[in-house]
C-alpha atoms as a PDB file:
ATOM      1  CA  MET A   1     285.457 105.720  98.354  1.00  0.00           C
ATOM      2  CA  THR A   2     284.959 101.855  98.991  1.00  0.00           C
ATOM      3  CA  VAL A   3     284.467 100.140 102.625  1.00  0.00           C
ATOM      4  CA  LYS A   4     287.898  98.986 102.716  1.00  0.00           C
ATOM      5  CA  LYS A   5     289.600 102.451 101.921  1.00  0.00           C
ATOM      6  CA  ARG A   6     287.479 103.814 104.288  1.00  0.00           C
ATOM      7  CA  PHE A   7     288.622 101.695 106.733  1.00  0.00           C
ATOM      8  CA  ALA A   8     292.240 102.062 106.051  1.00  0.00           C
ATOM      9  CA  SER A   9     291.775 105.925 106.139  1.00  0.00           C
ATOM     10  CA  ARG A  10     290.005 105.592 109.466  1.00  0.00           C
ATOM     11  CA  ILE A  11     292.597 103.401 110.538  1.00  0.00           C
ATOM     12  CA  VAL A  12     295.520 105.425 109.952  1.00  0.00           C
ATOM     13  CA  ALA A  13     293.450 108.754 112.028  1.00  0.00           C
ATOM     14  CA  LEU A  14     292.030 106.062 114.819  1.00  0.00           C
ATOM     15  CA  THR A  15     296.267 104.757 115.351  1.00  0.00           C
ATOM     16  CA  GLY A  16     297.116 108.566 115.547  1.00  0.00           C
ATOM     17  CA  LEU A  17     294.483 109.264 118.441  1.00  0.00           C
ATOM     18  CA  ALA A  18     295.401 105.750 119.963  1.00  0.00           C
ATOM     19  CA  ALA A  19     298.741 106.891 120.112  1.00  0.00           C
ATOM     20  CA  VAL A  20     297.553 110.494 121.460  1.00  0.00           C
ATOM     21  CA  LEU A  21     296.139 108.609 124.272  1.00  0.00           C
ATOM     22  CA  ILE A  22     298.648 106.197 125.168  1.00  0.00           C
ATOM     23  CA  VAL A  23     301.345 109.105 125.352  1.00  0.00           C
ATOM     24  CA  LEU A  24     298.997 110.663 127.481  1.00  0.00           C
ATOM     25  CA  CYS A  25     298.966 107.888 129.968  1.00  0.00           C
ATOM     26  CA  GLY A  26     302.788 107.329 129.590  1.00  0.00           C
ATOM     27  CA  THR A  27     303.468 105.490 126.595  1.00  0.00           C
ATOM     28  CA  VAL A  28     303.474 105.533 122.838  1.00  0.00           C
ATOM     29  CA  VAL A  29     305.034 103.320 119.789  1.00  0.00           C
ATOM     30  CA  SER A  30     306.693 103.701 116.510  1.00  0.00           C
ATOM     31  CA  CYS A  31     308.504 101.886 113.270  1.00  0.00           C
ATOM     32  CA  GLY A  32     310.877 103.282 110.636  1.00  0.00           C
ATOM     33  CA  GLY A  33     312.324 102.801 106.976  1.00  0.00           C
ATOM     34  CA  GLY A  34     310.976 103.533 103.736  1.00  0.00           C
ATOM     35  CA  SER A  35     309.077 106.933 102.781  1.00  0.00           C
ATOM     36  CA  PRO A  36     307.624 108.807 105.395  1.00  0.00           C
ATOM     37  CA  GLU A  37     303.993 107.338 104.026  1.00  0.00           C
ATOM     38  CA  LYS A  38     305.490 103.700 104.571  1.00  0.00           C
ATOM     39  CA  VAL A  39     306.657 104.245 107.869  1.00  0.00           C
ATOM     40  CA  VAL A  40     303.354 105.490 108.812  1.00  0.00           C
ATOM     41  CA  ALA A  41     301.371 102.808 107.211  1.00  0.00           C
ATOM     42  CA  ARG A  42     303.728 100.369 108.986  1.00  0.00           C
ATOM     43  CA  PHE A  43     303.248 101.950 112.521  1.00  0.00           C
ATOM     44  CA  ALA A  44     298.949 101.803 112.015  1.00  0.00           C
ATOM     45  CA  ILE A  45     299.371  98.025 110.991  1.00  0.00           C
ATOM     46  CA  ALA A  46     301.884  97.305 113.683  1.00  0.00           C
ATOM     47  CA  ILE A  47     299.092  98.937 116.677  1.00  0.00           C
ATOM     48  CA  MET A  48     296.551  96.808 114.803  1.00  0.00           C
ATOM     49  CA  ASP A  49     298.334  93.966 115.202  1.00  0.00           C
ATOM     50  CA  LYS A  50     299.443  95.208 118.951  1.00  0.00           C
ATOM     51  CA  ASP A  51     302.933  94.354 118.037  1.00  0.00           C
ATOM     52  CA  MET A  52     304.607  96.780 120.008  1.00  0.00           C
ATOM     53  CA  ASP A  53     308.095  95.492 118.742  1.00  0.00           C
ATOM     54  CA  LYS A  54     307.346  96.614 114.806  1.00  0.00           C
ATOM     55  CA  ALA A  55     305.946  99.890 116.148  1.00  0.00           C
ATOM     56  CA  LYS A  56     308.574 100.912 118.119  1.00  0.00           C
ATOM     57  CA  ARG A  57     310.908 100.471 115.174  1.00  0.00           C
ATOM     58  CA  CYS A  58     309.280 103.154 113.551  1.00  0.00           C
ATOM     59  CA  CYS A  59     309.749 106.167 116.372  1.00  0.00           C
ATOM     60  CA  THR A  60     312.763 108.383 116.797  1.00  0.00           C
ATOM     61  CA  GLU A  61     314.749 107.748 119.884  1.00  0.00           C
ATOM     62  CA  ARG A  62     313.777 110.770 121.949  1.00  0.00           C
ATOM     63  CA  PHE A  63     309.777 109.591 120.914  1.00  0.00           C
ATOM     64  CA  ALA A  64     310.579 106.751 122.172  1.00  0.00           C
ATOM     65  CA  ASN A  65     312.177 107.125 125.548  1.00  0.00           C
ATOM     66  CA  VAL A  66     309.499 109.946 126.098  1.00  0.00           C
ATOM     67  CA  SER A  67     306.575 107.662 125.489  1.00  0.00           C
ATOM     68  CA  LEU A  68     306.953 103.412 126.179  1.00  0.00           C
ATOM     69  CA  ALA A  69     306.923 102.918 129.639  1.00  0.00           C
ATOM     70  CA  GLY A  70     304.178 100.576 130.441  1.00  0.00           C
ATOM     71  CA  LYS A  71     303.488 100.196 126.566  1.00  0.00           C
ATOM     72  CA  ASP A  72     302.002  96.762 127.284  1.00  0.00           C
ATOM     73  CA  THR A  73     299.174  97.656 129.481  1.00  0.00           C
ATOM     74  CA  GLU A  74     298.080 100.932 127.066  1.00  0.00           C
ATOM     75  CA  LEU A  75     298.473  98.895 123.340  1.00  0.00           C
ATOM     76  CA  SER A  76     296.125  96.420 125.069  1.00  0.00           C
ATOM     77  CA  MET A  77     293.526  99.182 125.221  1.00  0.00           C
ATOM     78  CA  THR A  78     293.488 100.027 121.744  1.00  0.00           C
ATOM     79  CA  PRO A  79     290.273  98.221 120.063  1.00  0.00           C
ATOM     80  CA  ASP A  80     290.956  94.487 118.536  1.00  0.00           C
ATOM     81  CA  TYR A  81     290.425  95.195 114.506  1.00  0.00           C
ATOM     82  CA  LYS A  82     288.220  92.362 113.923  1.00  0.00           C
ATOM     83  CA  VAL A  83     288.508  91.536 110.195  1.00  0.00           C
ATOM     84  CA  SER A  84     289.487  88.782 108.033  1.00  0.00           C
ATOM     85  CA  LYS A  85     292.748  88.509 106.698  1.00  0.00           C
ATOM     86  CA  ASP A  86     291.309  89.693 103.427  1.00  0.00           C
ATOM     87  CA  GLU A  87     290.183  92.933 104.509  1.00  0.00           C
ATOM     88  CA  LYS A  88     292.902  93.624 106.437  1.00  0.00           C
ATOM     89  CA  PRO A  89     294.600  96.452 104.845  1.00  0.00           C
ATOM     90  CA  LYS A  90     298.243  95.829 103.950  1.00  0.00           C
ATOM     91  CA  VAL A  91     300.737  98.636 103.559  1.00  0.00           C
ATOM     92  CA  SER A  92     299.992  99.344 100.270  1.00  0.00           C
ATOM     93  CA  ASP A  93     296.600  99.854 100.724  1.00  0.00           C
ATOM     94  CA  LEU A  94     297.291 102.593 103.846  1.00  0.00           C
ATOM     95  CA  MET A  95     299.722 104.219 101.998  1.00  0.00           C
ATOM     96  CA  ALA A  96     297.169 104.936  98.976  1.00  0.00           C
ATOM     97  CA  GLU A  97     295.546 106.656 101.543  1.00  0.00           C
ATOM     98  CA  LEU A  98     298.181 108.965 102.728  1.00  0.00           C
ATOM     99  CA  GLU A  99     299.104 112.692 101.876  1.00  0.00           C
ATOM    100  CA  SER A 100     302.610 114.316 103.079  1.00  0.00           C
ATOM    101  CA  SER A 101     304.737 116.814 103.129  1.00  0.00           C
ATOM    102  CA  ILE A 102     308.445 117.479 102.973  1.00  0.00           C
ATOM    103  CA  ASP A 103     310.387 119.929 104.068  1.00  0.00           C
ATOM    104  CA  GLY A 104     313.836 118.571 104.341  1.00  0.00           C
ATOM    105  CA  ASP A 105     314.675 116.319 106.975  1.00  0.00           C
ATOM    106  CA  THR A 106     311.055 117.337 108.530  1.00  0.00           C
ATOM    107  CA  ALA A 107     307.388 115.304 106.902  1.00  0.00           C
ATOM    108  CA  LYS A 108     303.916 115.748 107.892  1.00  0.00           C
ATOM    109  CA  VAL A 109     301.801 112.368 107.002  1.00  0.00           C
ATOM    110  CA  TRP A 110     297.980 112.620 107.110  1.00  0.00           C
ATOM    111  CA  SER A 111     294.775 110.550 105.983  1.00  0.00           C
ATOM    112  CA  SER A 112     293.171 112.013 103.098  1.00  0.00           C
ATOM    113  CA  ASP A 113     290.149 111.205 104.893  1.00  0.00           C
ATOM    114  CA  ALA A 114     291.485 112.747 108.150  1.00  0.00           C
ATOM    115  CA  GLU A 115     293.755 115.366 107.808  1.00  0.00           C
ATOM    116  CA  PHE A 116     293.397 116.523 111.521  1.00  0.00           C
ATOM    117  CA  VAL A 117     295.537 113.775 112.231  1.00  0.00           C
ATOM    118  CA  LYS A 118     298.915 114.883 111.166  1.00  0.00           C
ATOM    119  CA  TYR A 119     302.000 112.122 111.928  1.00  0.00           C
ATOM    120  CA  VAL A 120     305.117 114.261 112.169  1.00  0.00           C
ATOM    121  CA  LEU A 121     308.478 112.289 110.933  1.00  0.00           C
ATOM    122  CA  VAL A 122     312.146 113.513 111.119  1.00  0.00           C
ATOM    123  CA  LYS A 123     314.910 111.601 110.152  1.00  0.00           C
ATOM    124  CA  GLU A 124     317.363 110.053 112.122  1.00  0.00           C
ATOM    125  CA  LYS A 125     320.459 108.824 110.679  1.00  0.00           C
ATOM    126  CA  GLY A 126     318.591 108.974 107.281  1.00  0.00           C
ATOM    127  CA  VAL A 127     316.027 106.797 107.760  1.00  0.00           C
ATOM    128  CA  TRP A 128     311.918 108.595 108.316  1.00  0.00           C
ATOM    129  CA  LYS A 129     310.624 108.116 111.921  1.00  0.00           C
ATOM    130  CA  ILE A 130     307.815 109.378 114.066  1.00  0.00           C
ATOM    131  CA  ASP A 131     308.539 112.259 116.242  1.00  0.00           C
ATOM    132  CA  GLY A 132     305.402 112.964 117.243  1.00  0.00           C
ATOM    133  CA  VAL A 133     301.341 113.585 116.388  1.00  0.00           C
ATOM    134  CA  ASP A 134     299.853 116.629 115.639  1.00  0.00           C
ATOM    135  CA  ILE A 135     296.104 116.682 116.311  1.00  0.00           C
ATOM    136  CA  ASP A 136     293.928 119.898 115.375  1.00  0.00           C
ATOM    137  CA  TYR A 137     290.919 118.981 118.092  1.00  0.00           C
ATOM    138  CA  SER A 138     288.331 120.779 116.360  1.00  0.00           C
ATOM    139  CA  ALA A 139     288.205 119.199 113.250  1.00  0.00           C
ATOM    140  CA  MET A 140     288.666 115.805 115.102  1.00  0.00           C
ATOM    141  CA  THR A 141     285.770 116.350 117.233  1.00  0.00           C
ATOM    142  CA  GLU A 142     283.407 117.394 114.179  1.00  0.00           C
ATOM    143  CA  MET A 143     284.576 114.173 112.550  1.00  0.00           C
ATOM    144  CA  MET A 144     283.145 112.170 115.393  1.00  0.00           C
ATOM    145  CA  LYS A 145     280.406 113.724 115.633  1.00  0.00           C
ATOM    146  CA  ASP A 146     279.950 112.444 111.956  1.00  0.00           C
ATOM    147  CA  MET A 147     280.373 109.051 112.582  1.00  0.00           C
ATOM    148  CA  GLY A 148     278.330 109.478 115.336  1.00  0.00           C
ATOM    149  CA  MET A 149     280.607 109.729 118.289  1.00  0.00           C
ATOM    150  CA  GLY A 150     279.580 112.899 119.163  1.00  0.00           C
ATOM    151  CA  PHE A 151     280.298 114.629 122.637  1.00  0.00           C
END
């Protein structure tokens, strides 16, 4: 796996973790339109760019209403991804690292490199939007230990 692909996979996983942390603090973000994978990729890039307007367009109304209070403060707590313009992943880069399962109007999307974070999407007026994030905490802890971020 190339450095760029590994970076893209980790970005998807880490933005899922950032979203969960933000929810726990009273905030969350998202963006909609296209395939479930494209929505998650756009969301991840919006979080990297700290662009709340783009990010919230990926959410269902329910998810946004529950989690967007205090959004600017919590988003400012997310890491700065200091990469050059050439190194920054594009939507297509992130989409190449994503897998999904679709069951009617519900989908789950995850990074092939970090399956412990699964975005839950639903169709809202025919458009895929993020409605939650499922996390397997034991698998997340193992990956973080492998990355040298052990607990």
